[in-house]
Amino acid sequence: MKHISLCILLSLTLPQLSSSMFATPLNYDNTLEFESTLSPIKGLSVDSLSPKEFNKMKATAVVLTVTLGVFGVHRMYLGTSPRIPITYTLTLGGGFFVLPAIDIVYIINAKSPEQLTNNNSIFIWNKTKKSNL
């Protein structure tokens, strides 16, 4: 029981820590505000990321997935709703590191930042599209 409460506590406190640890002060004229305030790439236009910055973002996400993937820290870095890391934590990474392992492959093979950022689906490959209604 102590371990479960510790995991829940970590999943609730890590978003605040990760937003300050990974925030990069990049300023662009053409910015796009993301929904999640936890995203370190908040304020960046997804279109304005250079290939070097995109690769750096992917590398950071992969390192976070390998180290803290069962807690969903990589999803917080990529800007998701708080329920996703809680789900990762409660299911131990979707069944003992199954979801983070799949996420690593998906992150490495991603061709654009839109595939990775602001995904509120539990499965990173199943990004829900917003309607304009």
C-alpha atoms as a PDB file:
ATOM      1  CA  MET A   1       0.000   0.000   0.000  1.00  0.00           C
ATOM      2  CA  LYS A   2       2.915   2.327   0.722  1.00  0.00           C
ATOM      3  CA  HIS A   3       4.228   1.853  -2.804  1.00  0.00           C
ATOM      4  CA  ILE A   4       0.920   2.710  -4.427  1.00  0.00           C
ATOM      5  CA  SER A   5       0.530   5.877  -2.374  1.00  0.00           C
ATOM      6  CA  LEU A   6       4.135   6.835  -3.192  1.00  0.00           C
ATOM      7  CA  CYS A   7       3.469   6.336  -6.917  1.00  0.00           C
ATOM      8  CA  ILE A   8       0.342   8.469  -6.759  1.00  0.00           C
ATOM      9  CA  LEU A   9       2.210  11.160  -4.865  1.00  0.00           C
ATOM     10  CA  LEU A  10       5.015  11.118  -7.445  1.00  0.00           C
ATOM     11  CA  SER A  11       2.591  11.329 -10.350  1.00  0.00           C
ATOM     12  CA  LEU A  12       0.954  14.372  -8.811  1.00  0.00           C
ATOM     13  CA  THR A  13       4.173  16.206  -7.953  1.00  0.00           C
ATOM     14  CA  LEU A  14       6.311  15.391 -11.001  1.00  0.00           C
ATOM     15  CA  PRO A  15       4.341  17.644 -13.382  1.00  0.00           C
ATOM     16  CA  GLN A  16       5.311  20.706 -11.348  1.00  0.00           C
ATOM     17  CA  LEU A  17       8.929  19.577 -11.123  1.00  0.00           C
ATOM     18  CA  SER A  18       9.237  18.618 -14.780  1.00  0.00           C
ATOM     19  CA  SER A  19       7.831  21.899 -16.045  1.00  0.00           C
ATOM     20  CA  SER A  20      10.567  23.818 -14.284  1.00  0.00           C
ATOM     21  CA  MET A  21      13.344  21.324 -15.043  1.00  0.00           C
ATOM     22  CA  PHE A  22      12.779  21.020 -18.780  1.00  0.00           C
ATOM     23  CA  ALA A  23      11.535  24.479 -19.656  1.00  0.00           C
ATOM     24  CA  THR A  24      13.538  26.084 -22.401  1.00  0.00           C
ATOM     25  CA  PRO A  25      13.270  29.843 -22.768  1.00  0.00           C
ATOM     26  CA  LEU A  26      12.883  30.011 -26.525  1.00  0.00           C
ATOM     27  CA  ASN A  27      11.024  32.955 -27.964  1.00  0.00           C
ATOM     28  CA  TYR A  28       9.450  32.924 -31.378  1.00  0.00           C
ATOM     29  CA  ASP A  29       7.264  35.540 -32.964  1.00  0.00           C
ATOM     30  CA  ASN A  30       4.760  33.048 -34.300  1.00  0.00           C
ATOM     31  CA  THR A  31       3.853  31.056 -31.183  1.00  0.00           C
ATOM     32  CA  LEU A  32       1.141  28.557 -30.561  1.00  0.00           C
ATOM     33  CA  GLU A  33      -0.195  28.133 -27.031  1.00  0.00           C
ATOM     34  CA  PHE A  34      -0.648  24.502 -26.128  1.00  0.00           C
ATOM     35  CA  GLU A  35      -3.462  23.370 -23.843  1.00  0.00           C
ATOM     36  CA  SER A  36      -1.176  21.765 -21.293  1.00  0.00           C
ATOM     37  CA  THR A  37       0.713  24.064 -18.976  1.00  0.00           C
ATOM     38  CA  LEU A  38       3.123  21.231 -18.171  1.00  0.00           C
ATOM     39  CA  SER A  39       4.720  21.090 -21.578  1.00  0.00           C
ATOM     40  CA  PRO A  40       8.305  22.321 -21.702  1.00  0.00           C
ATOM     41  CA  ILE A  41       7.753  23.317 -25.295  1.00  0.00           C
ATOM     42  CA  LYS A  42       4.848  25.588 -24.380  1.00  0.00           C
ATOM     43  CA  GLY A  43       4.842  28.735 -26.406  1.00  0.00           C
ATOM     44  CA  LEU A  44       6.703  27.160 -29.296  1.00  0.00           C
ATOM     45  CA  SER A  45       5.055  26.842 -32.606  1.00  0.00           C
ATOM     46  CA  VAL A  46       5.191  23.231 -33.655  1.00  0.00           C
ATOM     47  CA  ASP A  47       5.890  24.432 -37.175  1.00  0.00           C
ATOM     48  CA  SER A  48       8.836  26.536 -36.048  1.00  0.00           C
ATOM     49  CA  LEU A  49      10.863  23.690 -34.537  1.00  0.00           C
ATOM     50  CA  SER A  50      14.027  23.121 -36.466  1.00  0.00           C
ATOM     51  CA  PRO A  51      15.052  19.532 -37.218  1.00  0.00           C
ATOM     52  CA  LYS A  52      17.804  19.845 -34.607  1.00  0.00           C
ATOM     53  CA  GLU A  53      15.343  21.013 -31.926  1.00  0.00           C
ATOM     54  CA  PHE A  54      12.883  18.274 -32.905  1.00  0.00           C
ATOM     55  CA  ASN A  55      15.595  15.615 -32.606  1.00  0.00           C
ATOM     56  CA  LYS A  56      16.624  17.038 -29.232  1.00  0.00           C
ATOM     57  CA  MET A  57      12.996  16.889 -28.086  1.00  0.00           C
ATOM     58  CA  LYS A  58      12.736  13.276 -29.258  1.00  0.00           C
ATOM     59  CA  ALA A  59      16.007  12.317 -27.529  1.00  0.00           C
ATOM     60  CA  THR A  60      14.868  13.892 -24.256  1.00  0.00           C
ATOM     61  CA  ALA A  61      11.516  12.107 -24.497  1.00  0.00           C
ATOM     62  CA  VAL A  62      13.247   8.758 -25.123  1.00  0.00           C
ATOM     63  CA  VAL A  63      15.590   9.244 -22.141  1.00  0.00           C
ATOM     64  CA  LEU A  64      12.621  10.120 -19.933  1.00  0.00           C
ATOM     65  CA  THR A  65      10.756   7.087 -21.226  1.00  0.00           C
ATOM     66  CA  VAL A  66      13.629   4.742 -20.424  1.00  0.00           C
ATOM     67  CA  THR A  67      14.235   6.170 -16.962  1.00  0.00           C
ATOM     68  CA  LEU A  68      10.775   7.189 -15.718  1.00  0.00           C
ATOM     69  CA  GLY A  69       8.466   5.745 -18.360  1.00  0.00           C
ATOM     70  CA  VAL A  70       6.351   3.697 -15.977  1.00  0.00           C
ATOM     71  CA  PHE A  71       5.276   6.975 -14.340  1.00  0.00           C
ATOM     72  CA  GLY A  72       4.478   8.682 -17.658  1.00  0.00           C
ATOM     73  CA  VAL A  73       7.048  11.466 -17.226  1.00  0.00           C
ATOM     74  CA  HIS A  74       7.795  11.433 -20.955  1.00  0.00           C
ATOM     75  CA  ARG A  75       4.131  12.125 -21.673  1.00  0.00           C
ATOM     76  CA  MET A  76       4.205  15.108 -19.285  1.00  0.00           C
ATOM     77  CA  TYR A  77       7.248  16.380 -21.162  1.00  0.00           C
ATOM     78  CA  LEU A  78       5.365  16.103 -24.447  1.00  0.00           C
ATOM     79  CA  GLY A  79       2.361  17.949 -23.013  1.00  0.00           C
ATOM     80  CA  THR A  80      -0.493  15.689 -22.020  1.00  0.00           C
ATOM     81  CA  SER A  81      -3.346  15.857 -19.551  1.00  0.00           C
ATOM     82  CA  PRO A  82      -2.549  14.888 -15.943  1.00  0.00           C
ATOM     83  CA  ARG A  83      -4.698  11.769 -16.140  1.00  0.00           C
ATOM     84  CA  ILE A  84      -2.243  10.030 -18.491  1.00  0.00           C
ATOM     85  CA  PRO A  85       0.711   9.911 -16.049  1.00  0.00           C
ATOM     86  CA  ILE A  86      -1.658   8.797 -13.298  1.00  0.00           C
ATOM     87  CA  THR A  87      -2.854   5.973 -15.539  1.00  0.00           C
ATOM     88  CA  TYR A  88       0.726   4.986 -16.355  1.00  0.00           C
ATOM     89  CA  THR A  89       1.605   4.992 -12.649  1.00  0.00           C
ATOM     90  CA  LEU A  90      -1.397   2.963 -11.523  1.00  0.00           C
ATOM     91  CA  THR A  91      -0.858   0.341 -14.225  1.00  0.00           C
ATOM     92  CA  LEU A  92       2.939   0.279 -13.790  1.00  0.00           C
ATOM     93  CA  GLY A  93       3.507   1.605 -17.257  1.00  0.00           C
ATOM     94  CA  GLY A  94       0.642  -0.209 -18.881  1.00  0.00           C
ATOM     95  CA  GLY A  95       1.555  -3.667 -17.659  1.00  0.00           C
ATOM     96  CA  PHE A  96       5.165  -3.562 -16.536  1.00  0.00           C
ATOM     97  CA  PHE A  97       6.738  -1.210 -19.106  1.00  0.00           C
ATOM     98  CA  VAL A  98       4.657  -2.334 -22.100  1.00  0.00           C
ATOM     99  CA  LEU A  99       3.286   1.117 -22.986  1.00  0.00           C
ATOM    100  CA  PRO A 100       6.612   2.936 -22.468  1.00  0.00           C
ATOM    101  CA  ALA A 101       8.372   0.364 -24.680  1.00  0.00           C
ATOM    102  CA  ILE A 102       5.848   1.008 -27.451  1.00  0.00           C
ATOM    103  CA  ASP A 103       6.148   4.765 -26.837  1.00  0.00           C
ATOM    104  CA  ILE A 104       9.930   4.579 -27.365  1.00  0.00           C
ATOM    105  CA  VAL A 105       9.449   3.053 -30.807  1.00  0.00           C
ATOM    106  CA  TYR A 106       6.746   5.583 -31.697  1.00  0.00           C
ATOM    107  CA  ILE A 107       8.812   8.572 -30.509  1.00  0.00           C
ATOM    108  CA  ILE A 108      11.884   7.445 -32.449  1.00  0.00           C
ATOM    109  CA  ASN A 109       9.852   6.929 -35.639  1.00  0.00           C
ATOM    110  CA  ALA A 110       7.866  10.194 -35.366  1.00  0.00           C
ATOM    111  CA  LYS A 111       8.254  12.405 -38.427  1.00  0.00           C
ATOM    112  CA  SER A 112       6.758  15.617 -37.033  1.00  0.00           C
ATOM    113  CA  PRO A 113       6.179  17.259 -33.630  1.00  0.00           C
ATOM    114  CA  GLU A 114       2.413  17.160 -34.174  1.00  0.00           C
ATOM    115  CA  GLN A 115       2.543  13.382 -33.757  1.00  0.00           C
ATOM    116  CA  LEU A 116       3.998  13.693 -30.261  1.00  0.00           C
ATOM    117  CA  THR A 117       2.765  16.871 -28.624  1.00  0.00           C
ATOM    118  CA  ASN A 118      -0.491  17.479 -26.763  1.00  0.00           C
ATOM    119  CA  ASN A 119      -1.799  13.949 -27.033  1.00  0.00           C
ATOM    120  CA  ASN A 120      -4.511  13.297 -24.441  1.00  0.00           C
ATOM    121  CA  SER A 121      -5.037   9.677 -25.428  1.00  0.00           C
ATOM    122  CA  ILE A 122      -3.619   6.912 -23.227  1.00  0.00           C
ATOM    123  CA  PHE A 123      -2.010   5.349 -26.279  1.00  0.00           C
ATOM    124  CA  ILE A 124       0.458   7.780 -27.834  1.00  0.00           C
ATOM    125  CA  TRP A 125      -0.151   6.416 -31.328  1.00  0.00           C
ATOM    126  CA  ASN A 126      -3.908   7.088 -31.061  1.00  0.00           C
ATOM    127  CA  LYS A 127      -3.979  10.890 -31.143  1.00  0.00           C
ATOM    128  CA  THR A 128      -7.476  12.268 -31.002  1.00  0.00           C
ATOM    129  CA  LYS A 129      -8.242  15.047 -33.443  1.00  0.00           C
ATOM    130  CA  LYS A 130     -10.031  18.164 -32.272  1.00  0.00           C
ATOM    131  CA  SER A 131     -13.113  19.180 -34.133  1.00  0.00           C
ATOM    132  CA  ASN A 132     -13.683  22.788 -35.161  1.00  0.00           C
ATOM    133  CA  LEU A 133     -17.269  22.812 -33.938  1.00  0.00           C
END
